[in-house]
Amino acid sequence: MLTDANTAALPIQPDGEWHTYSVSLSANPNWTGKVNEIWFDPVNLNAAYVDIQWMRFE
């Protein structure tokens, strides 16, 4: 279930350049066990364009 307690938010740089963002999967105590679902919502803006060059999970 998606709740604020098990989400991560990152500030983004909306400047048209490529950026690398990292989220520590061990930083949130609610993130344990097997990952069954990932919800990626890059921005909460109308008419925003997001281009993802690559994504990796470790």
C-alpha atoms as a PDB file:
ATOM      1  CA  MET A   1       0.000   0.000   0.000  1.00  0.00           C
ATOM      2  CA  LEU A   2       1.333   3.432  -0.936  1.00  0.00           C
ATOM      3  CA  THR A   3       1.533   5.771   2.054  1.00  0.00           C
ATOM      4  CA  ASP A   4       3.749   8.725   2.950  1.00  0.00           C
ATOM      5  CA  ALA A   5       5.641   6.473   5.379  1.00  0.00           C
ATOM      6  CA  ASN A   6       6.945   4.269   2.581  1.00  0.00           C
ATOM      7  CA  THR A   7       7.741   6.869  -0.078  1.00  0.00           C
ATOM      8  CA  ALA A   8      10.841   8.853  -0.942  1.00  0.00           C
ATOM      9  CA  ALA A   9      10.867  12.328  -2.432  1.00  0.00           C
ATOM     10  CA  LEU A  10      13.832  14.051  -4.029  1.00  0.00           C
ATOM     11  CA  PRO A  11      14.318  17.648  -5.096  1.00  0.00           C
ATOM     12  CA  ILE A  12      14.850  17.874  -8.841  1.00  0.00           C
ATOM     13  CA  GLN A  13      16.731  20.389 -10.965  1.00  0.00           C
ATOM     14  CA  PRO A  14      14.382  21.430 -13.801  1.00  0.00           C
ATOM     15  CA  ASP A  15      17.064  23.042 -15.957  1.00  0.00           C
ATOM     16  CA  GLY A  16      17.015  20.894 -19.100  1.00  0.00           C
ATOM     17  CA  GLU A  17      20.313  19.183 -18.244  1.00  0.00           C
ATOM     18  CA  TRP A  18      20.982  15.521 -17.343  1.00  0.00           C
ATOM     19  CA  HIS A  19      21.262  14.795 -13.608  1.00  0.00           C
ATOM     20  CA  THR A  20      21.888  11.704 -11.511  1.00  0.00           C
ATOM     21  CA  TYR A  21      19.604  11.085  -8.547  1.00  0.00           C
ATOM     22  CA  SER A  22      20.069   8.378  -5.918  1.00  0.00           C
ATOM     23  CA  VAL A  23      17.728   6.958  -3.289  1.00  0.00           C
ATOM     24  CA  SER A  24      19.098   4.828  -0.479  1.00  0.00           C
ATOM     25  CA  LEU A  25      16.875   1.772  -0.222  1.00  0.00           C
ATOM     26  CA  SER A  26      18.162   1.122   3.303  1.00  0.00           C
ATOM     27  CA  ALA A  27      17.377   4.640   4.594  1.00  0.00           C
ATOM     28  CA  ASN A  28      13.670   4.000   5.203  1.00  0.00           C
ATOM     29  CA  PRO A  29      12.892   1.429   7.942  1.00  0.00           C
ATOM     30  CA  ASN A  30       9.589   0.660   6.173  1.00  0.00           C
ATOM     31  CA  TRP A  31      11.500  -0.708   3.165  1.00  0.00           C
ATOM     32  CA  THR A  32      12.248  -4.285   4.145  1.00  0.00           C
ATOM     33  CA  GLY A  33      11.905  -7.691   2.568  1.00  0.00           C
ATOM     34  CA  LYS A  34      11.023  -8.376  -1.038  1.00  0.00           C
ATOM     35  CA  VAL A  35      10.156  -5.547  -3.425  1.00  0.00           C
ATOM     36  CA  ASN A  36       6.828  -6.329  -5.088  1.00  0.00           C
ATOM     37  CA  GLU A  37       6.052  -2.982  -6.655  1.00  0.00           C
ATOM     38  CA  ILE A  38       7.770   0.281  -7.537  1.00  0.00           C
ATOM     39  CA  TRP A  39       5.867   3.423  -8.365  1.00  0.00           C
ATOM     40  CA  PHE A  40       7.968   6.039 -10.140  1.00  0.00           C
ATOM     41  CA  ASP A  41       6.317   9.456 -10.320  1.00  0.00           C
ATOM     42  CA  PRO A  42       9.044  11.860 -11.451  1.00  0.00           C
ATOM     43  CA  VAL A  43       7.223  15.178 -11.041  1.00  0.00           C
ATOM     44  CA  ASN A  44       3.890  16.443  -9.840  1.00  0.00           C
ATOM     45  CA  LEU A  45       3.447  19.133 -12.481  1.00  0.00           C
ATOM     46  CA  ASN A  46       1.023  19.526 -15.373  1.00  0.00           C
ATOM     47  CA  ALA A  47       2.609  19.499 -18.832  1.00  0.00           C
ATOM     48  CA  ALA A  48       6.029  18.482 -17.476  1.00  0.00           C
ATOM     49  CA  TYR A  49       8.325  16.449 -19.713  1.00  0.00           C
ATOM     50  CA  VAL A  50      10.706  13.918 -18.157  1.00  0.00           C
ATOM     51  CA  ASP A  51      13.265  11.953 -20.152  1.00  0.00           C
ATOM     52  CA  ILE A  52      14.915   9.032 -18.347  1.00  0.00           C
ATOM     53  CA  GLN A  53      18.190   7.933 -19.875  1.00  0.00           C
ATOM     54  CA  TRP A  54      18.618   4.908 -17.575  1.00  0.00           C
ATOM     55  CA  MET A  55      17.501   3.544 -14.218  1.00  0.00           C
ATOM     56  CA  ARG A  56      19.274   1.013 -12.012  1.00  0.00           C
ATOM     57  CA  PHE A  57      18.367  -0.769  -8.778  1.00  0.00           C
ATOM     58  CA  GLU A  58      21.033  -2.215  -6.506  1.00  0.00           C
END
